[in-house]
Amino acid sequence: MGDRLLTAAGRRIAFDRVEGRGPGVLFLGGFKSDKEGTKALALADWARRQGRAFLRFDYSGHGASSGAFLDGAISDWAEDAAEVLARLCDGPQLLVGSSMGGWIGLLLARRMPERVAGFVGIAAAPDFTEDLMWAQFTGAERAEMAATGRVAQPSDYSDEPYILTRRLIEDGRQNLVLRTPLSLDAPVRLLQGTADEDVPVAVAERLFAHLDSPDSRLTLVKGADHRFSTPDCLSLIEATVEDVLARG
């Protein structure tokens, strides 16, 4: 079941920790994902083998944490992550952000730069509520959002549709990171599949061009999809994490 962190906002955040040496690795999951996902569990196994500190957790409204998913938005999930980083992790951490977790990781880097030893984005999706959701809404969907405060869209990952709320879209606009300067004084690695139908390669290329970092690389994996969870992809994630940690 893991442990729980009670946040200042009263949310109970479920987390699992691997004890080990630092700098630790903090895994930031994706939209509607949880700490039991393939990449999170693979990195937990890697951390145990390496004797490396590692922490994975569920945002509020996700997995085993408290709250309803539809009540949440980027600000809430970034606050959850900031409290996890501040209260559960020792010293600077290598942030590994998957999809939405990439956006959350960049918000942490902007808010708490002294706590970031590096950043690895896996199909990172900064500003996705604006650029990959709102920008692609049809006129009918925008009208539905205005009238009802929500829109249902089909999901490739569940039989249940995604319900996207007005608050998710409007709150996302308060957290955009690609419209203003974004610097990270630590190694940055972006991993992206060319067959990703959720986060296009153009997003990774835009982030790579926009980010100001003294040590930044973008790796494209031909044929990899958004899950980025094949054995080869998992091995690449582990090797990338090891590379960044070795540079510290």
C-alpha atoms as a PDB file:
ATOM      1  CA  MET A   1       0.000   0.000   0.000  1.00  0.00           C
ATOM      2  CA  GLY A   2       2.902   2.396   0.569  1.00  0.00           C
ATOM      3  CA  ASP A   3       2.955   5.458   2.816  1.00  0.00           C
ATOM      4  CA  ARG A   4       0.944   8.675   2.923  1.00  0.00           C
ATOM      5  CA  LEU A   5       1.957  12.331   3.091  1.00  0.00           C
ATOM      6  CA  LEU A   6      -0.619  14.804   4.421  1.00  0.00           C
ATOM      7  CA  THR A   7      -0.111  18.037   2.484  1.00  0.00           C
ATOM      8  CA  ALA A   8      -0.732  21.581   3.657  1.00  0.00           C
ATOM      9  CA  ALA A   9      -3.921  21.546   1.540  1.00  0.00           C
ATOM     10  CA  GLY A  10      -5.159  18.447   3.380  1.00  0.00           C
ATOM     11  CA  ARG A  11      -4.560  16.016   0.545  1.00  0.00           C
ATOM     12  CA  ARG A  12      -3.217  12.549   1.343  1.00  0.00           C
ATOM     13  CA  ILE A  13      -0.502  11.653  -1.145  1.00  0.00           C
ATOM     14  CA  ALA A  14       0.421   7.978  -1.524  1.00  0.00           C
ATOM     15  CA  PHE A  15       4.097   7.288  -2.098  1.00  0.00           C
ATOM     16  CA  ASP A  16       6.655   4.488  -2.170  1.00  0.00           C
ATOM     17  CA  ARG A  17      10.304   5.008  -1.413  1.00  0.00           C
ATOM     18  CA  VAL A  18      13.521   3.093  -2.059  1.00  0.00           C
ATOM     19  CA  GLU A  19      16.237   3.985   0.416  1.00  0.00           C
ATOM     20  CA  GLY A  20      19.684   4.606  -0.996  1.00  0.00           C
ATOM     21  CA  ARG A  21      22.381   7.101  -1.766  1.00  0.00           C
ATOM     22  CA  GLY A  22      21.863  10.490  -3.340  1.00  0.00           C
ATOM     23  CA  PRO A  23      21.262  12.338  -5.436  1.00  0.00           C
ATOM     24  CA  GLY A  24      17.904  10.619  -5.379  1.00  0.00           C
ATOM     25  CA  VAL A  25      15.520  10.123  -8.283  1.00  0.00           C
ATOM     26  CA  LEU A  26      11.962  11.487  -8.101  1.00  0.00           C
ATOM     27  CA  PHE A  27       9.521  10.006 -10.627  1.00  0.00           C
ATOM     28  CA  LEU A  28       6.685  12.248 -11.802  1.00  0.00           C
ATOM     29  CA  GLY A  29       3.890  10.327 -13.512  1.00  0.00           C
ATOM     30  CA  GLY A  30       1.519  11.293 -16.266  1.00  0.00           C
ATOM     31  CA  PHE A  31      -2.075  12.478 -16.598  1.00  0.00           C
ATOM     32  CA  LYS A  32      -4.378   9.831 -15.089  1.00  0.00           C
ATOM     33  CA  SER A  33      -1.377   7.560 -14.508  1.00  0.00           C
ATOM     34  CA  ASP A  34      -0.126   6.307 -11.132  1.00  0.00           C
ATOM     35  CA  LYS A  35       2.916   5.075  -9.252  1.00  0.00           C
ATOM     36  CA  GLU A  36       2.237   1.456 -10.239  1.00  0.00           C
ATOM     37  CA  GLY A  37       2.911   2.131 -13.924  1.00  0.00           C
ATOM     38  CA  THR A  38       5.505   0.208 -15.896  1.00  0.00           C
ATOM     39  CA  LYS A  39       8.138   2.966 -15.988  1.00  0.00           C
ATOM     40  CA  ALA A  40       7.763   3.803 -12.280  1.00  0.00           C
ATOM     41  CA  LEU A  41       8.106   0.174 -11.238  1.00  0.00           C
ATOM     42  CA  ALA A  42      11.040  -0.433 -13.588  1.00  0.00           C
ATOM     43  CA  LEU A  43      12.891   2.543 -12.111  1.00  0.00           C
ATOM     44  CA  ALA A  44      12.112   1.333  -8.583  1.00  0.00           C
ATOM     45  CA  ASP A  45      13.717  -2.026  -9.444  1.00  0.00           C
ATOM     46  CA  TRP A  46      16.685  -0.218 -10.992  1.00  0.00           C
ATOM     47  CA  ALA A  47      17.091   1.918  -7.848  1.00  0.00           C
ATOM     48  CA  ARG A  48      17.116  -1.153  -5.603  1.00  0.00           C
ATOM     49  CA  ARG A  49      19.799  -2.766  -7.766  1.00  0.00           C
ATOM     50  CA  GLN A  50      21.869   0.415  -7.741  1.00  0.00           C
ATOM     51  CA  GLY A  51      21.389   1.327  -4.083  1.00  0.00           C
ATOM     52  CA  ARG A  52      19.998   4.669  -5.242  1.00  0.00           C
ATOM     53  CA  ALA A  53      17.342   6.691  -3.391  1.00  0.00           C
ATOM     54  CA  PHE A  54      14.095   6.718  -5.385  1.00  0.00           C
ATOM     55  CA  LEU A  55      10.574   7.965  -4.792  1.00  0.00           C
ATOM     56  CA  ARG A  56       7.355   7.532  -6.762  1.00  0.00           C
ATOM     57  CA  PHE A  57       3.965   8.921  -5.760  1.00  0.00           C
ATOM     58  CA  ASP A  58       0.401   9.537  -6.875  1.00  0.00           C
ATOM     59  CA  TYR A  59      -0.896  13.061  -7.417  1.00  0.00           C
ATOM     60  CA  SER A  60      -4.173  13.836  -5.669  1.00  0.00           C
ATOM     61  CA  GLY A  61      -7.061  12.269  -7.555  1.00  0.00           C
ATOM     62  CA  HIS A  62      -4.695   9.656  -9.000  1.00  0.00           C
ATOM     63  CA  GLY A  63      -4.034   6.075  -7.913  1.00  0.00           C
ATOM     64  CA  ALA A  64      -4.100   5.565  -4.150  1.00  0.00           C
ATOM     65  CA  SER A  65      -4.037   9.256  -3.197  1.00  0.00           C
ATOM     66  CA  SER A  66      -7.062  11.115  -1.859  1.00  0.00           C
ATOM     67  CA  GLY A  67      -9.347  13.307  -3.910  1.00  0.00           C
ATOM     68  CA  ALA A  68     -11.346  13.064  -7.110  1.00  0.00           C
ATOM     69  CA  PHE A  69      -9.512  13.282 -10.421  1.00  0.00           C
ATOM     70  CA  LEU A  70     -12.032  15.699 -11.927  1.00  0.00           C
ATOM     71  CA  ASP A  71     -11.484  18.162  -9.072  1.00  0.00           C
ATOM     72  CA  GLY A  72      -7.761  18.457  -9.837  1.00  0.00           C
ATOM     73  CA  ALA A  73      -5.684  20.624 -12.132  1.00  0.00           C
ATOM     74  CA  ILE A  74      -2.043  21.368 -12.900  1.00  0.00           C
ATOM     75  CA  SER A  75      -1.625  23.753  -9.934  1.00  0.00           C
ATOM     76  CA  ASP A  76      -2.840  21.074  -7.496  1.00  0.00           C
ATOM     77  CA  TRP A  77      -0.603  18.371  -8.910  1.00  0.00           C
ATOM     78  CA  ALA A  78       2.399  20.694  -9.003  1.00  0.00           C
ATOM     79  CA  GLU A  79       1.750  21.573  -5.341  1.00  0.00           C
ATOM     80  CA  ASP A  80       1.593  17.864  -4.495  1.00  0.00           C
ATOM     81  CA  ALA A  81       4.922  17.302  -6.247  1.00  0.00           C
ATOM     82  CA  ALA A  82       6.526  20.332  -4.572  1.00  0.00           C
ATOM     83  CA  GLU A  83       5.581  19.058  -1.103  1.00  0.00           C
ATOM     84  CA  VAL A  84       6.848  15.571  -1.943  1.00  0.00           C
ATOM     85  CA  LEU A  85      10.158  17.063  -3.106  1.00  0.00           C
ATOM     86  CA  ALA A  86      10.476  19.387  -0.111  1.00  0.00           C
ATOM     87  CA  ARG A  87       9.369  17.009   2.628  1.00  0.00           C
ATOM     88  CA  LEU A  88      10.224  13.485   1.474  1.00  0.00           C
ATOM     89  CA  CYS A  89      13.426  13.887  -0.528  1.00  0.00           C
ATOM     90  CA  ASP A  90      16.905  14.703   0.780  1.00  0.00           C
ATOM     91  CA  GLY A  91      18.951  17.215  -1.180  1.00  0.00           C
ATOM     92  CA  PRO A  92      18.850  17.766  -4.939  1.00  0.00           C
ATOM     93  CA  GLN A  93      16.946  15.183  -6.975  1.00  0.00           C
ATOM     94  CA  LEU A  94      17.030  13.976 -10.540  1.00  0.00           C
ATOM     95  CA  LEU A  95      13.494  14.621 -11.764  1.00  0.00           C
ATOM     96  CA  VAL A  96      12.152  12.018 -14.205  1.00  0.00           C
ATOM     97  CA  GLY A  97       8.909  13.282 -15.699  1.00  0.00           C
ATOM     98  CA  SER A  98       6.666  11.173 -17.919  1.00  0.00           C
ATOM     99  CA  SER A  99       4.208  13.031 -20.177  1.00  0.00           C
ATOM    100  CA  MET A 100       2.371  15.455 -17.844  1.00  0.00           C
ATOM    101  CA  GLY A 101       5.089  14.694 -15.288  1.00  0.00           C
ATOM    102  CA  GLY A 102       7.506  16.466 -17.626  1.00  0.00           C
ATOM    103  CA  TRP A 103       5.439  19.640 -17.279  1.00  0.00           C
ATOM    104  CA  ILE A 104       5.243  19.185 -13.506  1.00  0.00           C
ATOM    105  CA  GLY A 105       9.015  18.660 -13.365  1.00  0.00           C
ATOM    106  CA  LEU A 106       9.654  21.885 -15.270  1.00  0.00           C
ATOM    107  CA  LEU A 107       7.376  23.766 -12.860  1.00  0.00           C
ATOM    108  CA  LEU A 108       9.389  22.312  -9.965  1.00  0.00           C
ATOM    109  CA  ALA A 109      12.629  23.345 -11.643  1.00  0.00           C
ATOM    110  CA  ARG A 110      11.313  26.883 -12.003  1.00  0.00           C
ATOM    111  CA  ARG A 111      10.017  27.008  -8.426  1.00  0.00           C
ATOM    112  CA  MET A 112      12.783  25.083  -6.611  1.00  0.00           C
ATOM    113  CA  PRO A 113      15.902  25.175  -8.824  1.00  0.00           C
ATOM    114  CA  GLU A 114      18.227  24.422  -5.918  1.00  0.00           C
ATOM    115  CA  ARG A 115      16.545  21.040  -5.445  1.00  0.00           C
ATOM    116  CA  VAL A 116      17.052  19.863  -9.040  1.00  0.00           C
ATOM    117  CA  ALA A 117      20.147  17.803  -9.921  1.00  0.00           C
ATOM    118  CA  GLY A 118      18.903  17.073 -13.436  1.00  0.00           C
ATOM    119  CA  PHE A 119      15.812  16.516 -15.561  1.00  0.00           C
ATOM    120  CA  VAL A 120      14.826  13.575 -17.746  1.00  0.00           C
ATOM    121  CA  GLY A 121      11.644  14.049 -19.757  1.00  0.00           C
ATOM    122  CA  ILE A 122       9.934  10.982 -21.237  1.00  0.00           C
ATOM    123  CA  ALA A 123       7.484  12.165 -23.903  1.00  0.00           C
ATOM    124  CA  ALA A 124       7.305  15.351 -21.836  1.00  0.00           C
ATOM    125  CA  ALA A 125       4.098  17.300 -22.388  1.00  0.00           C
ATOM    126  CA  PRO A 126       4.526  20.897 -21.202  1.00  0.00           C
ATOM    127  CA  ASP A 127       1.507  23.149 -21.746  1.00  0.00           C
ATOM    128  CA  PHE A 128      -0.550  20.208 -23.056  1.00  0.00           C
ATOM    129  CA  THR A 129      -3.878  21.524 -21.767  1.00  0.00           C
ATOM    130  CA  GLU A 130      -3.472  24.534 -24.060  1.00  0.00           C
ATOM    131  CA  ASP A 131      -1.570  23.141 -27.035  1.00  0.00           C
ATOM    132  CA  LEU A 132      -2.788  19.533 -27.247  1.00  0.00           C
ATOM    133  CA  MET A 133      -6.295  19.916 -25.802  1.00  0.00           C
ATOM    134  CA  TRP A 134      -7.800  23.394 -26.138  1.00  0.00           C
ATOM    135  CA  ALA A 135      -6.080  24.151 -29.445  1.00  0.00           C
ATOM    136  CA  GLN A 136      -7.551  20.974 -30.931  1.00  0.00           C
ATOM    137  CA  PHE A 137     -11.084  21.351 -29.585  1.00  0.00           C
ATOM    138  CA  THR A 138     -13.744  21.690 -32.251  1.00  0.00           C
ATOM    139  CA  GLY A 139     -16.148  24.589 -32.172  1.00  0.00           C
ATOM    140  CA  ALA A 140     -18.777  22.226 -30.773  1.00  0.00           C
ATOM    141  CA  GLU A 141     -16.446  21.092 -27.990  1.00  0.00           C
ATOM    142  CA  ARG A 142     -15.612  24.666 -27.037  1.00  0.00           C
ATOM    143  CA  ALA A 143     -19.314  25.456 -26.932  1.00  0.00           C
ATOM    144  CA  GLU A 144     -19.953  22.380 -24.773  1.00  0.00           C
ATOM    145  CA  MET A 145     -17.172  23.446 -22.401  1.00  0.00           C
ATOM    146  CA  ALA A 146     -18.683  26.931 -22.125  1.00  0.00           C
ATOM    147  CA  ALA A 147     -22.162  25.536 -21.487  1.00  0.00           C
ATOM    148  CA  THR A 148     -21.428  22.595 -19.169  1.00  0.00           C
ATOM    149  CA  GLY A 149     -17.902  23.147 -17.852  1.00  0.00           C
ATOM    150  CA  ARG A 150     -16.622  19.871 -19.271  1.00  0.00           C
ATOM    151  CA  VAL A 151     -15.963  17.897 -22.443  1.00  0.00           C
ATOM    152  CA  ALA A 152     -15.713  14.098 -22.891  1.00  0.00           C
ATOM    153  CA  GLN A 153     -13.083  12.726 -25.261  1.00  0.00           C
ATOM    154  CA  PRO A 154     -12.258   9.109 -26.150  1.00  0.00           C
ATOM    155  CA  SER A 155      -9.185   7.560 -24.559  1.00  0.00           C
ATOM    156  CA  ASP A 156      -6.734   5.124 -26.113  1.00  0.00           C
ATOM    157  CA  TYR A 157      -5.880   3.842 -22.629  1.00  0.00           C
ATOM    158  CA  SER A 158      -9.315   3.119 -21.158  1.00  0.00           C
ATOM    159  CA  ASP A 159     -12.844   2.201 -22.147  1.00  0.00           C
ATOM    160  CA  GLU A 160     -13.966   5.258 -20.203  1.00  0.00           C
ATOM    161  CA  PRO A 161     -13.636   8.630 -21.964  1.00  0.00           C
ATOM    162  CA  TYR A 162     -11.469  11.404 -20.592  1.00  0.00           C
ATOM    163  CA  ILE A 163     -13.541  14.114 -18.960  1.00  0.00           C
ATOM    164  CA  LEU A 164     -11.776  17.435 -19.419  1.00  0.00           C
ATOM    165  CA  THR A 165     -12.961  20.253 -17.163  1.00  0.00           C
ATOM    166  CA  ARG A 166     -13.030  24.006 -17.649  1.00  0.00           C
ATOM    167  CA  ARG A 167     -10.863  24.345 -14.545  1.00  0.00           C
ATOM    168  CA  LEU A 168      -8.206  22.032 -16.018  1.00  0.00           C
ATOM    169  CA  ILE A 169      -7.953  24.240 -19.119  1.00  0.00           C
ATOM    170  CA  GLU A 170      -8.111  27.589 -17.325  1.00  0.00           C
ATOM    171  CA  ASP A 171      -5.695  26.537 -14.578  1.00  0.00           C
ATOM    172  CA  GLY A 172      -3.294  25.172 -17.176  1.00  0.00           C
ATOM    173  CA  ARG A 173      -3.035  28.671 -18.650  1.00  0.00           C
ATOM    174  CA  GLN A 174      -1.653  29.892 -15.314  1.00  0.00           C
ATOM    175  CA  ASN A 175       1.179  27.339 -15.478  1.00  0.00           C
ATOM    176  CA  LEU A 176       2.471  27.533 -19.047  1.00  0.00           C
ATOM    177  CA  VAL A 177       6.244  27.132 -19.376  1.00  0.00           C
ATOM    178  CA  LEU A 178       6.860  27.496 -23.119  1.00  0.00           C
ATOM    179  CA  ARG A 179       5.734  31.129 -23.376  1.00  0.00           C
ATOM    180  CA  THR A 180       8.363  32.635 -21.069  1.00  0.00           C
ATOM    181  CA  PRO A 181      12.112  31.977 -20.589  1.00  0.00           C
ATOM    182  CA  LEU A 182      12.842  28.586 -19.092  1.00  0.00           C
ATOM    183  CA  SER A 183      16.306  27.832 -17.766  1.00  0.00           C
ATOM    184  CA  LEU A 184      17.658  24.826 -15.904  1.00  0.00           C
ATOM    185  CA  ASP A 185      21.223  24.882 -14.601  1.00  0.00           C
ATOM    186  CA  ALA A 186      21.517  21.092 -14.665  1.00  0.00           C
ATOM    187  CA  PRO A 187      21.723  18.303 -17.255  1.00  0.00           C
ATOM    188  CA  VAL A 188      18.568  17.827 -19.333  1.00  0.00           C
ATOM    189  CA  ARG A 189      17.677  14.724 -21.343  1.00  0.00           C
ATOM    190  CA  LEU A 190      14.519  14.470 -23.434  1.00  0.00           C
ATOM    191  CA  LEU A 191      13.397  11.032 -24.685  1.00  0.00           C
ATOM    192  CA  GLN A 192      10.714  10.931 -27.357  1.00  0.00           C
ATOM    193  CA  GLY A 193       9.164   8.264 -29.568  1.00  0.00           C
ATOM    194  CA  THR A 194       8.515   9.052 -33.216  1.00  0.00           C
ATOM    195  CA  ALA A 195       5.264   7.043 -33.193  1.00  0.00           C
ATOM    196  CA  ASP A 196       3.818   8.958 -30.217  1.00  0.00           C
ATOM    197  CA  GLU A 197       0.255   9.923 -31.200  1.00  0.00           C
ATOM    198  CA  ASP A 198      -0.456  11.805 -27.946  1.00  0.00           C
ATOM    199  CA  VAL A 199       2.592  14.048 -27.711  1.00  0.00           C
ATOM    200  CA  PRO A 200       4.027  14.756 -31.178  1.00  0.00           C
ATOM    201  CA  VAL A 201       7.756  14.954 -31.826  1.00  0.00           C
ATOM    202  CA  ALA A 202       7.251  18.663 -32.486  1.00  0.00           C
ATOM    203  CA  VAL A 203       6.525  19.165 -28.774  1.00  0.00           C
ATOM    204  CA  ALA A 204       9.874  17.643 -27.803  1.00  0.00           C
ATOM    205  CA  GLU A 205      11.647  19.714 -30.442  1.00  0.00           C
ATOM    206  CA  ARG A 206       9.963  22.895 -29.229  1.00  0.00           C
ATOM    207  CA  LEU A 207      10.899  22.178 -25.602  1.00  0.00           C
ATOM    208  CA  PHE A 208      14.476  21.331 -26.598  1.00  0.00           C
ATOM    209  CA  ALA A 209      14.826  24.606 -28.501  1.00  0.00           C
ATOM    210  CA  HIS A 210      13.156  26.640 -25.746  1.00  0.00           C
ATOM    211  CA  LEU A 211      15.033  25.244 -22.739  1.00  0.00           C
ATOM    212  CA  ASP A 212      18.186  27.060 -21.680  1.00  0.00           C
ATOM    213  CA  SER A 213      20.504  24.418 -20.198  1.00  0.00           C
ATOM    214  CA  PRO A 214      24.301  24.023 -20.316  1.00  0.00           C
ATOM    215  CA  ASP A 215      23.948  20.292 -21.033  1.00  0.00           C
ATOM    216  CA  SER A 216      20.861  19.316 -23.014  1.00  0.00           C
ATOM    217  CA  ARG A 217      20.119  16.427 -25.384  1.00  0.00           C
ATOM    218  CA  LEU A 218      17.072  15.188 -27.263  1.00  0.00           C
ATOM    219  CA  THR A 219      16.914  11.499 -28.197  1.00  0.00           C
ATOM    220  CA  LEU A 220      14.319  10.273 -30.717  1.00  0.00           C
ATOM    221  CA  VAL A 221      13.429   6.594 -30.712  1.00  0.00           C
ATOM    222  CA  LYS A 222      12.020   5.485 -34.050  1.00  0.00           C
ATOM    223  CA  GLY A 223       8.737   3.607 -33.697  1.00  0.00           C
ATOM    224  CA  ALA A 224       8.308   4.167 -29.941  1.00  0.00           C
ATOM    225  CA  ASP A 225       4.820   5.208 -28.865  1.00  0.00           C
ATOM    226  CA  HIS A 226       3.626   7.357 -25.966  1.00  0.00           C
ATOM    227  CA  ARG A 227       3.882   4.562 -23.422  1.00  0.00           C
ATOM    228  CA  PHE A 228       7.649   4.337 -24.034  1.00  0.00           C
ATOM    229  CA  SER A 229       7.622   1.090 -22.054  1.00  0.00           C
ATOM    230  CA  THR A 230       9.124  -1.596 -24.262  1.00  0.00           C
ATOM    231  CA  PRO A 231      12.184  -3.379 -22.829  1.00  0.00           C
ATOM    232  CA  ASP A 232      14.432  -1.283 -25.086  1.00  0.00           C
ATOM    233  CA  CYS A 233      12.756   1.952 -23.994  1.00  0.00           C
ATOM    234  CA  LEU A 234      13.007   1.007 -20.320  1.00  0.00           C
ATOM    235  CA  SER A 235      16.694   0.191 -20.769  1.00  0.00           C
ATOM    236  CA  LEU A 236      17.209   3.574 -22.443  1.00  0.00           C
ATOM    237  CA  ILE A 237      15.498   5.340 -19.551  1.00  0.00           C
ATOM    238  CA  GLU A 238      17.747   3.579 -17.042  1.00  0.00           C
ATOM    239  CA  ALA A 239      20.899   4.328 -19.060  1.00  0.00           C
ATOM    240  CA  THR A 240      19.866   7.968 -19.395  1.00  0.00           C
ATOM    241  CA  VAL A 241      19.259   8.319 -15.660  1.00  0.00           C
ATOM    242  CA  GLU A 242      22.652   6.727 -14.967  1.00  0.00           C
ATOM    243  CA  ASP A 243      24.336   9.120 -17.420  1.00  0.00           C
ATOM    244  CA  VAL A 244      22.846  12.207 -15.782  1.00  0.00           C
ATOM    245  CA  LEU A 245      23.690  11.012 -12.284  1.00  0.00           C
ATOM    246  CA  ALA A 246      27.278  10.305 -13.352  1.00  0.00           C
ATOM    247  CA  ARG A 247      27.632  13.921 -14.413  1.00  0.00           C
ATOM    248  CA  GLY A 248      26.907  15.135 -10.885  1.00  0.00           C
END
